[in-house]
Amino acid sequence: MLREIFKQVSYRDSPYKDIYYLTDTEIRFSIYNQDKFITISLRVENDRYIVYGFETTKNNTIIRHKSEQIDSIDFFWIWYNNFYNNLL
């Protein structure tokens, strides 16, 4: 799952920045929305996929944080869209 998501976010002129991929362990990427910075991290923990979302300001103050276990790439993107679209 991590490899497929990596392929989906790492393309030329992608809106996703700071893409970090550690094979079979974690993928992390960021996206900017106006004055907010969104960081998403998907990690393998205890044989489960856990997604974390962080919304921060320019000075790295965390506005909100959310995490959840996911089971598929489709659910990852649903979770991501819900997190992204619920910006304060």
N, C-alpha and C. Protein backbone atom coordinates (compact mmCIF):
# COMPACT_ATOMS: atom_id res chain seq x y z
N MET A 1 0.82 -1.19 0.00
CA MET A 1 0.00 0.00 0.00
C MET A 1 0.87 1.26 0.00
N LEU A 2 1.93 1.27 0.78
CA LEU A 2 2.79 2.45 0.86
C LEU A 2 3.41 2.78 -0.50
N ARG A 3 3.85 1.76 -1.19
CA ARG A 3 4.47 1.97 -2.50
C ARG A 3 3.49 2.57 -3.50
N GLU A 4 2.26 2.10 -3.50
CA GLU A 4 1.25 2.62 -4.41
C GLU A 4 0.91 4.08 -4.11
N ILE A 5 0.80 4.41 -2.84
CA ILE A 5 0.53 5.80 -2.48
C ILE A 5 1.71 6.68 -2.84
N PHE A 6 2.92 6.18 -2.64
CA PHE A 6 4.12 6.91 -3.04
C PHE A 6 4.06 7.23 -4.54
N LYS A 7 3.68 6.27 -5.34
CA LYS A 7 3.58 6.50 -6.79
C LYS A 7 2.52 7.55 -7.12
N GLN A 8 1.46 7.58 -6.33
CA GLN A 8 0.36 8.51 -6.59
C GLN A 8 0.70 9.95 -6.20
N VAL A 9 1.62 10.15 -5.25
CA VAL A 9 1.93 11.51 -4.80
C VAL A 9 3.24 12.05 -5.36
N SER A 10 4.10 11.19 -5.86
CA SER A 10 5.42 11.66 -6.30
C SER A 10 5.53 11.68 -7.82
N TYR A 11 5.02 12.72 -8.39
CA TYR A 11 5.12 12.91 -9.83
C TYR A 11 5.54 14.35 -10.09
N ARG A 12 5.97 14.61 -11.28
CA ARG A 12 6.45 15.95 -11.64
C ARG A 12 5.36 16.99 -11.41
N ASP A 13 5.73 18.10 -10.78
CA ASP A 13 4.82 19.21 -10.47
C ASP A 13 3.68 18.80 -9.53
N SER A 14 3.92 17.81 -8.71
CA SER A 14 2.94 17.37 -7.72
C SER A 14 2.69 18.47 -6.69
N PRO A 15 1.46 18.62 -6.21
CA PRO A 15 1.19 19.61 -5.16
C PRO A 15 1.74 19.15 -3.81
N TYR A 16 2.10 17.88 -3.71
CA TYR A 16 2.63 17.33 -2.47
C TYR A 16 4.13 17.61 -2.39
N LYS A 17 4.57 18.03 -1.22
CA LYS A 17 5.97 18.40 -1.01
C LYS A 17 6.57 17.56 0.10
N ASP A 18 7.87 17.65 0.25
CA ASP A 18 8.59 16.97 1.33
C ASP A 18 8.21 15.49 1.41
N ILE A 19 8.19 14.84 0.28
CA ILE A 19 7.79 13.43 0.23
C ILE A 19 8.93 12.57 0.78
N TYR A 20 8.57 11.75 1.75
CA TYR A 20 9.54 10.85 2.40
C TYR A 20 8.94 9.45 2.33
N TYR A 21 9.74 8.51 1.82
CA TYR A 21 9.26 7.14 1.69
C TYR A 21 10.32 6.20 2.23
N LEU A 22 9.96 5.47 3.25
CA LEU A 22 10.83 4.44 3.82
C LEU A 22 10.17 3.10 3.50
N THR A 23 10.77 2.34 2.63
CA THR A 23 10.17 1.13 2.08
C THR A 23 9.52 0.26 3.14
N ASP A 24 8.26 -0.05 2.91
CA ASP A 24 7.47 -0.96 3.75
C ASP A 24 7.33 -0.52 5.20
N THR A 25 7.62 0.76 5.49
CA THR A 25 7.53 1.24 6.86
C THR A 25 6.71 2.52 6.97
N GLU A 26 6.99 3.51 6.12
CA GLU A 26 6.32 4.80 6.25
C GLU A 26 6.37 5.58 4.95
N ILE A 27 5.31 6.34 4.71
CA ILE A 27 5.33 7.38 3.69
C ILE A 27 4.79 8.64 4.36
N ARG A 28 5.42 9.76 4.06
CA ARG A 28 5.02 11.04 4.64
C ARG A 28 5.11 12.10 3.55
N PHE A 29 4.14 13.00 3.53
CA PHE A 29 4.17 14.10 2.57
C PHE A 29 3.41 15.28 3.14
N SER A 30 3.63 16.43 2.54
CA SER A 30 3.00 17.67 3.01
C SER A 30 2.35 18.39 1.84
N ILE A 31 1.42 19.26 2.20
CA ILE A 31 0.77 20.11 1.22
C ILE A 31 0.42 21.42 1.92
N TYR A 32 0.53 22.50 1.18
CA TYR A 32 0.24 23.82 1.72
C TYR A 32 -1.17 24.22 1.32
N ASN A 33 -1.89 24.84 2.24
CA ASN A 33 -3.22 25.37 1.94
C ASN A 33 -3.31 26.75 2.58
N GLN A 34 -3.19 27.78 1.77
CA GLN A 34 -3.18 29.17 2.22
C GLN A 34 -2.08 29.35 3.25
N ASP A 35 -2.41 29.61 4.49
CA ASP A 35 -1.39 29.84 5.51
C ASP A 35 -1.20 28.63 6.42
N LYS A 36 -1.78 27.49 6.03
CA LYS A 36 -1.68 26.27 6.84
C LYS A 36 -0.82 25.23 6.12
N PHE A 37 -0.22 24.38 6.91
CA PHE A 37 0.68 23.35 6.43
C PHE A 37 0.10 22.01 6.89
N ILE A 38 -0.18 21.11 5.95
CA ILE A 38 -0.76 19.81 6.27
C ILE A 38 0.31 18.74 6.05
N THR A 39 0.53 17.91 7.05
CA THR A 39 1.46 16.79 6.93
C THR A 39 0.69 15.50 7.18
N ILE A 40 0.86 14.56 6.27
CA ILE A 40 0.22 13.25 6.37
C ILE A 40 1.31 12.19 6.47
N SER A 41 1.14 11.28 7.41
CA SER A 41 2.08 10.19 7.58
C SER A 41 1.30 8.88 7.67
N LEU A 42 1.65 7.93 6.83
CA LEU A 42 1.06 6.59 6.88
C LEU A 42 2.16 5.63 7.29
N ARG A 43 1.94 4.92 8.38
CA ARG A 43 2.98 4.05 8.95
C ARG A 43 2.44 2.65 9.18
N VAL A 44 3.35 1.69 9.10
CA VAL A 44 3.03 0.32 9.48
C VAL A 44 3.44 0.18 10.94
N GLU A 45 2.45 -0.11 11.79
CA GLU A 45 2.68 -0.28 13.22
C GLU A 45 1.98 -1.55 13.68
N ASN A 46 2.74 -2.50 14.18
CA ASN A 46 2.17 -3.76 14.66
C ASN A 46 1.30 -4.43 13.60
N ASP A 47 1.82 -4.50 12.38
CA ASP A 47 1.15 -5.13 11.25
C ASP A 47 -0.18 -4.45 10.87
N ARG A 48 -0.33 -3.19 11.21
CA ARG A 48 -1.51 -2.41 10.84
C ARG A 48 -1.04 -1.11 10.19
N TYR A 49 -1.89 -0.56 9.33
CA TYR A 49 -1.61 0.74 8.72
C TYR A 49 -2.32 1.82 9.54
N ILE A 50 -1.54 2.78 10.03
CA ILE A 50 -2.07 3.89 10.80
C ILE A 50 -1.73 5.17 10.06
N VAL A 51 -2.75 6.00 9.82
CA VAL A 51 -2.52 7.28 9.15
C VAL A 51 -2.64 8.38 10.19
N TYR A 52 -1.72 9.35 10.10
CA TYR A 52 -1.69 10.50 10.99
C TYR A 52 -1.79 11.76 10.14
N GLY A 53 -2.55 12.71 10.60
CA GLY A 53 -2.64 14.00 9.93
C GLY A 53 -2.36 15.11 10.92
N PHE A 54 -1.56 16.07 10.49
CA PHE A 54 -1.22 17.22 11.32
C PHE A 54 -1.48 18.50 10.52
N GLU A 55 -2.14 19.43 11.14
CA GLU A 55 -2.33 20.74 10.55
C GLU A 55 -1.56 21.73 11.42
N THR A 56 -0.64 22.45 10.81
CA THR A 56 0.18 23.40 11.57
C THR A 56 0.16 24.76 10.89
N THR A 57 0.59 25.75 11.63
CA THR A 57 0.74 27.10 11.09
C THR A 57 2.15 27.26 10.57
N LYS A 58 2.43 28.43 10.01
CA LYS A 58 3.78 28.70 9.49
C LYS A 58 4.86 28.60 10.55
N ASN A 59 4.53 28.90 11.81
CA ASN A 59 5.53 28.83 12.87
C ASN A 59 5.49 27.49 13.61
N ASN A 60 4.94 26.44 12.95
CA ASN A 60 4.92 25.06 13.45
C ASN A 60 4.06 24.84 14.68
N THR A 61 3.08 25.69 14.90
CA THR A 61 2.12 25.46 15.98
C THR A 61 1.07 24.48 15.48
N ILE A 62 0.89 23.37 16.20
CA ILE A 62 -0.08 22.37 15.78
C ILE A 62 -1.49 22.87 16.08
N ILE A 63 -2.30 22.93 15.04
CA ILE A 63 -3.69 23.36 15.18
C ILE A 63 -4.57 22.15 15.51
N ARG A 64 -4.31 21.05 14.80
CA ARG A 64 -5.06 19.83 15.09
C ARG A 64 -4.28 18.61 14.62
N HIS A 65 -4.68 17.48 15.15
CA HIS A 65 -4.04 16.20 14.87
C HIS A 65 -5.12 15.13 14.85
N LYS A 66 -5.00 14.20 13.93
CA LYS A 66 -5.96 13.11 13.86
C LYS A 66 -5.24 11.87 13.39
N SER A 67 -5.65 10.70 13.88
CA SER A 67 -5.07 9.44 13.42
C SER A 67 -6.16 8.38 13.37
N GLU A 68 -5.91 7.37 12.54
CA GLU A 68 -6.89 6.29 12.40
C GLU A 68 -6.24 5.10 11.71
N GLN A 69 -6.71 3.92 12.01
CA GLN A 69 -6.27 2.73 11.30
C GLN A 69 -7.02 2.66 9.98
N ILE A 70 -6.31 2.30 8.91
CA ILE A 70 -6.94 2.15 7.60
C ILE A 70 -6.62 0.78 7.04
N ASP A 71 -7.45 0.36 6.07
CA ASP A 71 -7.30 -0.99 5.52
C ASP A 71 -7.05 -1.03 4.02
N SER A 72 -7.19 0.12 3.35
CA SER A 72 -7.03 0.10 1.89
C SER A 72 -6.58 1.47 1.39
N ILE A 73 -6.11 1.48 0.17
CA ILE A 73 -5.70 2.75 -0.46
C ILE A 73 -6.92 3.65 -0.63
N ASP A 74 -8.04 3.08 -1.03
CA ASP A 74 -9.25 3.88 -1.20
C ASP A 74 -9.65 4.55 0.12
N PHE A 75 -9.60 3.80 1.22
CA PHE A 75 -9.95 4.38 2.51
C PHE A 75 -8.94 5.45 2.92
N PHE A 76 -7.66 5.25 2.56
CA PHE A 76 -6.65 6.28 2.84
C PHE A 76 -7.04 7.60 2.19
N TRP A 77 -7.41 7.57 0.91
CA TRP A 77 -7.75 8.80 0.20
C TRP A 77 -9.05 9.41 0.71
N ILE A 78 -10.01 8.58 1.12
CA ILE A 78 -11.23 9.11 1.75
C ILE A 78 -10.87 9.82 3.05
N TRP A 79 -10.02 9.18 3.86
CA TRP A 79 -9.59 9.78 5.13
C TRP A 79 -8.85 11.09 4.87
N TYR A 80 -7.93 11.07 3.91
CA TYR A 80 -7.16 12.27 3.56
C TYR A 80 -8.09 13.40 3.13
N ASN A 81 -9.02 13.13 2.23
CA ASN A 81 -9.95 14.16 1.75
C ASN A 81 -10.80 14.73 2.88
N ASN A 82 -11.26 13.89 3.79
CA ASN A 82 -12.02 14.37 4.94
C ASN A 82 -11.16 15.26 5.83
N PHE A 83 -9.93 14.85 6.08
CA PHE A 83 -9.02 15.66 6.92
C PHE A 83 -8.73 16.99 6.23
N TYR A 84 -8.39 16.94 4.97
CA TYR A 84 -8.03 18.15 4.22
C TYR A 84 -9.21 19.12 4.10
N ASN A 85 -10.37 18.59 3.84
CA ASN A 85 -11.55 19.44 3.63
C ASN A 85 -12.15 19.98 4.91
N ASN A 86 -11.72 19.50 6.06
CA ASN A 86 -12.22 20.01 7.34
C ASN A 86 -11.23 20.96 8.00
N LEU A 87 -10.50 21.73 7.20
CA LEU A 87 -9.57 22.70 7.75
C LEU A 87 -10.33 23.75 8.52
N LEU A 88 -9.72 24.21 9.57
CA LEU A 88 -10.37 25.25 10.40
C LEU A 88 -10.40 26.57 9.69
